[in-house]
Amino acid sequence: MLEIQNINVKYSENYILKNLSISVNQINNNVLGVLGKNGAGKTTLFNTLFGALNFTGEILLEGKKLDRENIAYLETTNYFYPYITGKEYLNYFTADISFAENYNSLFNLPLDEFVDTYSTGMKKKLALIGVLLLDKPVNILDEPFNGMDFEGVQVLYDVIKDMKSKNKIIIISSHIIETLFHTCDNIAFLQDGTVGRIIGKNEFNQLNKFI
């Protein structure tokens, strides 16, 4: 289980996260969606989980302090070195490129071409393959559906379903509400730096009441 307990993060004297607490079970209900208006604290929460920000409180995985080595993070915007091919990028994640090519069979990216020639959706798919190759117990996917075409969205649904079956903890943000319906067990609403409400699948059809 991932336990986030009384997290506080502040810039200068302003608290961005305030006594935020939430837990995600690793066996059941292990896909959590995160919704919130701009400035609600989503990105700050993700960066805190990834170990990029100082905070007070506790973040525990199976009762032990969460280590950055246990997290894979797909950021909203993905950056790549210029003049690097898709295959060269994936070589950073695995020495066995055939392993990466197995994942690429889902997305059919032109791995021998420069990433600079890729569309936004293709770059997102490439970064996602990198996350999958890391094979971490905790996975943060920040707006993973951005730039995806219809086929890519359907493949990503299947990828998340497969990760869930392997008991991976997955935390997803998306401004496309329907994608959270398809993938999440619970959805947490961030408001003013804390969790305002958590709803389960049985309440998804009432989501508009909480937005």
C-alpha atoms as a PDB file:
ATOM      1  CA  MET A   1       0.000   0.000   0.000  1.00  0.00           C
ATOM      2  CA  LEU A   2       1.081   3.555  -0.754  1.00  0.00           C
ATOM      3  CA  GLU A   3       0.301   5.860   2.160  1.00  0.00           C
ATOM      4  CA  ILE A   4       0.561   9.631   1.894  1.00  0.00           C
ATOM      5  CA  GLN A   5       0.192  11.050   5.386  1.00  0.00           C
ATOM      6  CA  ASN A   6      -0.255  14.706   6.323  1.00  0.00           C
ATOM      7  CA  ILE A   7       1.906  16.102   3.533  1.00  0.00           C
ATOM      8  CA  ASN A   8       2.739  19.802   3.626  1.00  0.00           C
ATOM      9  CA  VAL A   9       4.679  21.655   0.920  1.00  0.00           C
ATOM     10  CA  LYS A  10       5.213  25.395   0.870  1.00  0.00           C
ATOM     11  CA  TYR A  11       6.908  27.968  -1.338  1.00  0.00           C
ATOM     12  CA  SER A  12       8.083  30.983   0.662  1.00  0.00           C
ATOM     13  CA  GLU A  13       5.288  31.311   3.216  1.00  0.00           C
ATOM     14  CA  ASN A  14       2.508  29.894   1.033  1.00  0.00           C
ATOM     15  CA  TYR A  15       1.369  26.302   1.482  1.00  0.00           C
ATOM     16  CA  ILE A  16       0.751  24.512  -1.821  1.00  0.00           C
ATOM     17  CA  LEU A  17      -0.140  21.199  -0.153  1.00  0.00           C
ATOM     18  CA  LYS A  18      -1.757  21.285   3.277  1.00  0.00           C
ATOM     19  CA  ASN A  19      -2.119  18.188   5.459  1.00  0.00           C
ATOM     20  CA  LEU A  20      -2.824  16.079   2.379  1.00  0.00           C
ATOM     21  CA  SER A  21      -3.494  12.416   3.127  1.00  0.00           C
ATOM     22  CA  ILE A  22      -4.492   9.567   0.825  1.00  0.00           C
ATOM     23  CA  SER A  23      -3.732   5.874   0.396  1.00  0.00           C
ATOM     24  CA  VAL A  24      -3.656   3.546  -2.604  1.00  0.00           C
ATOM     25  CA  ASN A  25      -3.928  -0.210  -2.152  1.00  0.00           C
ATOM     26  CA  GLN A  26      -1.449  -2.254  -4.170  1.00  0.00           C
ATOM     27  CA  ILE A  27      -3.747  -5.273  -4.636  1.00  0.00           C
ATOM     28  CA  ASN A  28      -7.237  -3.831  -5.122  1.00  0.00           C
ATOM     29  CA  ASN A  29      -8.299  -0.330  -6.138  1.00  0.00           C
ATOM     30  CA  ASN A  30      -4.729   0.387  -7.211  1.00  0.00           C
ATOM     31  CA  VAL A  31      -5.515   2.957  -9.921  1.00  0.00           C
ATOM     32  CA  LEU A  32      -6.150   6.443  -8.541  1.00  0.00           C
ATOM     33  CA  GLY A  33      -7.253   9.392 -10.638  1.00  0.00           C
ATOM     34  CA  VAL A  34      -6.417  12.928  -9.523  1.00  0.00           C
ATOM     35  CA  LEU A  35      -8.578  15.878 -10.536  1.00  0.00           C
ATOM     36  CA  GLY A  36      -8.347  19.528  -9.626  1.00  0.00           C
ATOM     37  CA  LYS A  37      -8.432  23.010 -11.054  1.00  0.00           C
ATOM     38  CA  ASN A  38      -5.214  24.711 -12.116  1.00  0.00           C
ATOM     39  CA  GLY A  39      -3.263  25.527  -8.980  1.00  0.00           C
ATOM     40  CA  ALA A  40      -4.982  22.855  -6.883  1.00  0.00           C
ATOM     41  CA  GLY A  41      -1.644  21.110  -6.283  1.00  0.00           C
ATOM     42  CA  LYS A  42      -1.622  18.155  -8.691  1.00  0.00           C
ATOM     43  CA  THR A  43       1.841  18.745 -10.131  1.00  0.00           C
ATOM     44  CA  THR A  44       3.214  19.641  -6.707  1.00  0.00           C
ATOM     45  CA  LEU A  45       1.838  16.362  -5.342  1.00  0.00           C
ATOM     46  CA  PHE A  46       3.440  14.375  -8.159  1.00  0.00           C
ATOM     47  CA  ASN A  47       6.790  16.117  -7.771  1.00  0.00           C
ATOM     48  CA  THR A  48       6.649  15.502  -4.028  1.00  0.00           C
ATOM     49  CA  LEU A  49       5.992  11.797  -4.533  1.00  0.00           C
ATOM     50  CA  PHE A  50       8.912  11.689  -6.963  1.00  0.00           C
ATOM     51  CA  GLY A  51      11.212  13.177  -4.347  1.00  0.00           C
ATOM     52  CA  ALA A  52      11.784  16.457  -6.161  1.00  0.00           C
ATOM     53  CA  LEU A  53      10.432  18.727  -3.409  1.00  0.00           C
ATOM     54  CA  ASN A  54      10.977  19.146   0.298  1.00  0.00           C
ATOM     55  CA  PHE A  55       7.954  18.339   2.446  1.00  0.00           C
ATOM     56  CA  THR A  56       6.799  17.494   5.928  1.00  0.00           C
ATOM     57  CA  GLY A  57       4.726  14.396   6.618  1.00  0.00           C
ATOM     58  CA  GLU A  58       5.261  10.809   5.508  1.00  0.00           C
ATOM     59  CA  ILE A  59       5.103   8.896   2.239  1.00  0.00           C
ATOM     60  CA  LEU A  60       5.252   5.140   2.796  1.00  0.00           C
ATOM     61  CA  LEU A  61       5.246   2.124   0.489  1.00  0.00           C
ATOM     62  CA  GLU A  62       4.422  -1.116   2.287  1.00  0.00           C
ATOM     63  CA  GLY A  63       5.163   0.603   5.587  1.00  0.00           C
ATOM     64  CA  LYS A  64       8.611   1.873   4.569  1.00  0.00           C
ATOM     65  CA  LYS A  65       9.718   5.317   3.423  1.00  0.00           C
ATOM     66  CA  LEU A  66       9.078   5.629  -0.299  1.00  0.00           C
ATOM     67  CA  ASP A  67      12.331   5.649  -2.240  1.00  0.00           C
ATOM     68  CA  ARG A  68      12.648   7.428  -5.575  1.00  0.00           C
ATOM     69  CA  GLU A  69      13.994   4.178  -7.013  1.00  0.00           C
ATOM     70  CA  ASN A  70      10.498   2.718  -6.653  1.00  0.00           C
ATOM     71  CA  ILE A  71       8.784   5.355  -8.797  1.00  0.00           C
ATOM     72  CA  ALA A  72       8.369   5.902 -12.526  1.00  0.00           C
ATOM     73  CA  TYR A  73       7.078   9.346 -13.514  1.00  0.00           C
ATOM     74  CA  LEU A  74       5.566  10.271 -16.874  1.00  0.00           C
ATOM     75  CA  GLU A  75       5.518  14.064 -16.847  1.00  0.00           C
ATOM     76  CA  THR A  76       3.013  16.204 -18.726  1.00  0.00           C
ATOM     77  CA  THR A  77       5.694  17.565 -21.048  1.00  0.00           C
ATOM     78  CA  ASN A  78       8.425  15.225 -22.180  1.00  0.00           C
ATOM     79  CA  TYR A  79      11.886  16.480 -23.097  1.00  0.00           C
ATOM     80  CA  PHE A  80      14.314  14.723 -25.412  1.00  0.00           C
ATOM     81  CA  TYR A  81      17.876  15.422 -26.478  1.00  0.00           C
ATOM     82  CA  PRO A  82      18.113  16.855 -30.001  1.00  0.00           C
ATOM     83  CA  TYR A  83      19.171  14.472 -32.749  1.00  0.00           C
ATOM     84  CA  ILE A  84      18.323  11.354 -30.771  1.00  0.00           C
ATOM     85  CA  THR A  85      16.390   8.486 -32.307  1.00  0.00           C
ATOM     86  CA  GLY A  86      13.571   6.677 -30.577  1.00  0.00           C
ATOM     87  CA  LYS A  87      15.747   3.593 -30.251  1.00  0.00           C
ATOM     88  CA  GLU A  88      18.617   5.576 -28.708  1.00  0.00           C
ATOM     89  CA  TYR A  89      16.205   7.097 -26.198  1.00  0.00           C
ATOM     90  CA  LEU A  90      14.917   3.679 -25.134  1.00  0.00           C
ATOM     91  CA  ASN A  91      18.483   2.404 -24.769  1.00  0.00           C
ATOM     92  CA  TYR A  92      18.682   4.628 -21.671  1.00  0.00           C
ATOM     93  CA  PHE A  93      16.097   2.369 -20.050  1.00  0.00           C
ATOM     94  CA  THR A  94      17.256  -1.081 -21.148  1.00  0.00           C
ATOM     95  CA  ALA A  95      20.320  -2.707 -22.663  1.00  0.00           C
ATOM     96  CA  ASP A  96      18.071  -5.201 -24.447  1.00  0.00           C
ATOM     97  CA  ILE A  97      16.452  -3.182 -27.220  1.00  0.00           C
ATOM     98  CA  SER A  98      14.343  -6.195 -28.214  1.00  0.00           C
ATOM     99  CA  PHE A  99      12.526  -5.777 -24.899  1.00  0.00           C
ATOM    100  CA  ALA A 100      11.716  -2.179 -25.842  1.00  0.00           C
ATOM    101  CA  GLU A 101      10.637  -3.266 -29.306  1.00  0.00           C
ATOM    102  CA  ASN A 102       8.144  -5.666 -27.739  1.00  0.00           C
ATOM    103  CA  TYR A 103       6.453  -2.705 -26.076  1.00  0.00           C
ATOM    104  CA  ASN A 104       6.702  -0.693 -29.269  1.00  0.00           C
ATOM    105  CA  SER A 105       4.686  -3.362 -31.060  1.00  0.00           C
ATOM    106  CA  LEU A 106       1.721  -1.762 -29.273  1.00  0.00           C
ATOM    107  CA  PHE A 107       2.424   1.737 -30.615  1.00  0.00           C
ATOM    108  CA  ASN A 108       4.332   1.149 -33.874  1.00  0.00           C
ATOM    109  CA  LEU A 109       6.677   4.108 -33.474  1.00  0.00           C
ATOM    110  CA  PRO A 110       9.441   4.640 -36.071  1.00  0.00           C
ATOM    111  CA  LEU A 111      12.259   4.019 -33.587  1.00  0.00           C
ATOM    112  CA  ASP A 112      15.020   4.566 -36.156  1.00  0.00           C
ATOM    113  CA  GLU A 113      13.852   8.116 -36.849  1.00  0.00           C
ATOM    114  CA  PHE A 114      14.821  11.236 -34.892  1.00  0.00           C
ATOM    115  CA  VAL A 115      12.449  12.078 -32.056  1.00  0.00           C
ATOM    116  CA  ASP A 116      12.333  15.684 -33.331  1.00  0.00           C
ATOM    117  CA  THR A 117      10.238  14.389 -36.238  1.00  0.00           C
ATOM    118  CA  TYR A 118       7.654  12.821 -33.897  1.00  0.00           C
ATOM    119  CA  SER A 119       4.251  14.357 -33.246  1.00  0.00           C
ATOM    120  CA  THR A 120       3.222  15.267 -29.689  1.00  0.00           C
ATOM    121  CA  GLY A 121       1.302  12.008 -29.367  1.00  0.00           C
ATOM    122  CA  MET A 122       4.227   9.956 -30.649  1.00  0.00           C
ATOM    123  CA  LYS A 123       6.574  11.585 -28.139  1.00  0.00           C
ATOM    124  CA  LYS A 124       4.099  10.785 -25.376  1.00  0.00           C
ATOM    125  CA  LYS A 125       4.024   7.140 -26.478  1.00  0.00           C
ATOM    126  CA  LEU A 126       7.828   6.970 -26.546  1.00  0.00           C
ATOM    127  CA  ALA A 127       8.075   8.408 -23.033  1.00  0.00           C
ATOM    128  CA  LEU A 128       5.425   5.939 -21.872  1.00  0.00           C
ATOM    129  CA  ILE A 129       7.443   3.005 -23.217  1.00  0.00           C
ATOM    130  CA  GLY A 130      10.362   4.312 -21.152  1.00  0.00           C
ATOM    131  CA  VAL A 131       8.160   4.290 -18.043  1.00  0.00           C
ATOM    132  CA  LEU A 132       7.037   0.729 -18.764  1.00  0.00           C
ATOM    133  CA  LEU A 133      10.632  -0.423 -19.188  1.00  0.00           C
ATOM    134  CA  LEU A 134      11.478   0.887 -15.715  1.00  0.00           C
ATOM    135  CA  ASP A 135       8.980  -1.621 -14.252  1.00  0.00           C
ATOM    136  CA  LYS A 136       8.450   0.235 -10.954  1.00  0.00           C
ATOM    137  CA  PRO A 137       5.840  -0.543  -8.281  1.00  0.00           C
ATOM    138  CA  VAL A 138       4.583   3.073  -8.231  1.00  0.00           C
ATOM    139  CA  ASN A 139       3.764   4.843 -11.505  1.00  0.00           C
ATOM    140  CA  ILE A 140       2.719   8.473 -11.881  1.00  0.00           C
ATOM    141  CA  LEU A 141       1.108   9.335 -15.215  1.00  0.00           C
ATOM    142  CA  ASP A 142       0.538  13.081 -15.554  1.00  0.00           C
ATOM    143  CA  GLU A 143      -1.856  13.755 -18.452  1.00  0.00           C
ATOM    144  CA  PRO A 144      -0.834  10.577 -20.324  1.00  0.00           C
ATOM    145  CA  PHE A 145      -3.666  10.937 -22.850  1.00  0.00           C
ATOM    146  CA  ASN A 146      -2.536  14.372 -24.081  1.00  0.00           C
ATOM    147  CA  GLY A 147      -1.943  14.306 -27.816  1.00  0.00           C
ATOM    148  CA  MET A 148      -3.031  10.676 -28.167  1.00  0.00           C
ATOM    149  CA  ASP A 149      -5.133   9.696 -31.161  1.00  0.00           C
ATOM    150  CA  PHE A 150      -8.132   7.376 -30.725  1.00  0.00           C
ATOM    151  CA  GLU A 151      -6.072   4.253 -31.338  1.00  0.00           C
ATOM    152  CA  GLY A 152      -3.394   5.403 -28.902  1.00  0.00           C
ATOM    153  CA  VAL A 153      -6.009   6.024 -26.207  1.00  0.00           C
ATOM    154  CA  GLN A 154      -7.386   2.504 -26.616  1.00  0.00           C
ATOM    155  CA  VAL A 155      -3.886   1.013 -26.406  1.00  0.00           C
ATOM    156  CA  LEU A 156      -3.158   3.059 -23.288  1.00  0.00           C
ATOM    157  CA  TYR A 157      -6.349   1.726 -21.694  1.00  0.00           C
ATOM    158  CA  ASP A 158      -5.014  -1.790 -22.282  1.00  0.00           C
ATOM    159  CA  VAL A 159      -1.557  -0.871 -20.961  1.00  0.00           C
ATOM    160  CA  ILE A 160      -3.012   0.517 -17.731  1.00  0.00           C
ATOM    161  CA  LYS A 161      -5.235  -2.544 -17.372  1.00  0.00           C
ATOM    162  CA  ASP A 162      -2.166  -4.766 -17.729  1.00  0.00           C
ATOM    163  CA  MET A 163      -0.224  -2.711 -15.169  1.00  0.00           C
ATOM    164  CA  LYS A 164      -3.162  -2.987 -12.781  1.00  0.00           C
ATOM    165  CA  SER A 165      -3.221  -6.780 -13.182  1.00  0.00           C
ATOM    166  CA  LYS A 166       0.444  -6.818 -12.119  1.00  0.00           C
ATOM    167  CA  ASN A 167      -0.468  -4.970  -8.897  1.00  0.00           C
ATOM    168  CA  LYS A 168       1.278  -1.765  -9.927  1.00  0.00           C
ATOM    169  CA  ILE A 169       0.145   1.373  -8.142  1.00  0.00           C
ATOM    170  CA  ILE A 170      -0.915   3.896 -10.785  1.00  0.00           C
ATOM    171  CA  ILE A 171      -1.754   7.546 -10.156  1.00  0.00           C
ATOM    172  CA  ILE A 172      -3.219   9.367 -13.160  1.00  0.00           C
ATOM    173  CA  SER A 173      -4.205  12.946 -13.861  1.00  0.00           C
ATOM    174  CA  SER A 174      -6.232  13.861 -16.918  1.00  0.00           C
ATOM    175  CA  HIS A 175      -8.413  16.752 -18.009  1.00  0.00           C
ATOM    176  CA  ILE A 176     -10.307  14.252 -20.188  1.00  0.00           C
ATOM    177  CA  ILE A 177     -12.748  12.944 -17.576  1.00  0.00           C
ATOM    178  CA  GLU A 178     -13.847   9.942 -19.642  1.00  0.00           C
ATOM    179  CA  THR A 179     -10.320   8.522 -19.600  1.00  0.00           C
ATOM    180  CA  LEU A 180     -10.428   8.412 -15.801  1.00  0.00           C
ATOM    181  CA  PHE A 181     -13.782   6.604 -15.932  1.00  0.00           C
ATOM    182  CA  HIS A 182     -12.174   3.929 -18.098  1.00  0.00           C
ATOM    183  CA  THR A 183      -9.050   3.441 -16.008  1.00  0.00           C
ATOM    184  CA  CYS A 184      -9.502   4.404 -12.353  1.00  0.00           C
ATOM    185  CA  ASP A 185     -10.853   2.650  -9.287  1.00  0.00           C
ATOM    186  CA  ASN A 186     -11.139   5.903  -7.336  1.00  0.00           C
ATOM    187  CA  ILE A 187     -10.828   9.588  -8.156  1.00  0.00           C
ATOM    188  CA  ALA A 188      -9.447  12.135  -5.680  1.00  0.00           C
ATOM    189  CA  PHE A 189     -10.388  15.794  -5.988  1.00  0.00           C
ATOM    190  CA  LEU A 190      -7.689  18.227  -4.944  1.00  0.00           C
ATOM    191  CA  GLN A 191      -8.902  21.563  -3.667  1.00  0.00           C
ATOM    192  CA  ASP A 192      -6.758  24.267  -2.107  1.00  0.00           C
ATOM    193  CA  GLY A 193      -3.845  21.903  -1.616  1.00  0.00           C
ATOM    194  CA  THR A 194      -5.653  19.037   0.059  1.00  0.00           C
ATOM    195  CA  VAL A 195      -7.989  16.155  -0.813  1.00  0.00           C
ATOM    196  CA  GLY A 196     -11.512  17.547  -0.885  1.00  0.00           C
ATOM    197  CA  ARG A 197     -13.225  14.276  -1.701  1.00  0.00           C
ATOM    198  CA  ILE A 198     -12.561  10.756  -2.978  1.00  0.00           C
ATOM    199  CA  ILE A 199     -15.209   8.995  -5.053  1.00  0.00           C
ATOM    200  CA  GLY A 200     -15.379   5.348  -6.091  1.00  0.00           C
ATOM    201  CA  LYS A 201     -16.612   3.754  -9.306  1.00  0.00           C
ATOM    202  CA  ASN A 202     -20.185   3.593  -8.031  1.00  0.00           C
ATOM    203  CA  GLU A 203     -20.245   7.410  -7.920  1.00  0.00           C
ATOM    204  CA  PHE A 204     -18.555   8.129 -11.250  1.00  0.00           C
ATOM    205  CA  ASN A 205     -21.934   8.775 -12.894  1.00  0.00           C
ATOM    206  CA  GLN A 206     -22.447  11.626 -10.406  1.00  0.00           C
ATOM    207  CA  LEU A 207     -19.054  13.172 -11.092  1.00  0.00           C
ATOM    208  CA  ASN A 208     -20.444  16.483 -12.314  1.00  0.00           C
ATOM    209  CA  LYS A 209     -21.760  17.167  -8.817  1.00  0.00           C
ATOM    210  CA  PHE A 210     -18.224  17.262  -7.468  1.00  0.00           C
ATOM    211  CA  ILE A 211     -16.445  19.246 -10.176  1.00  0.00           C
END
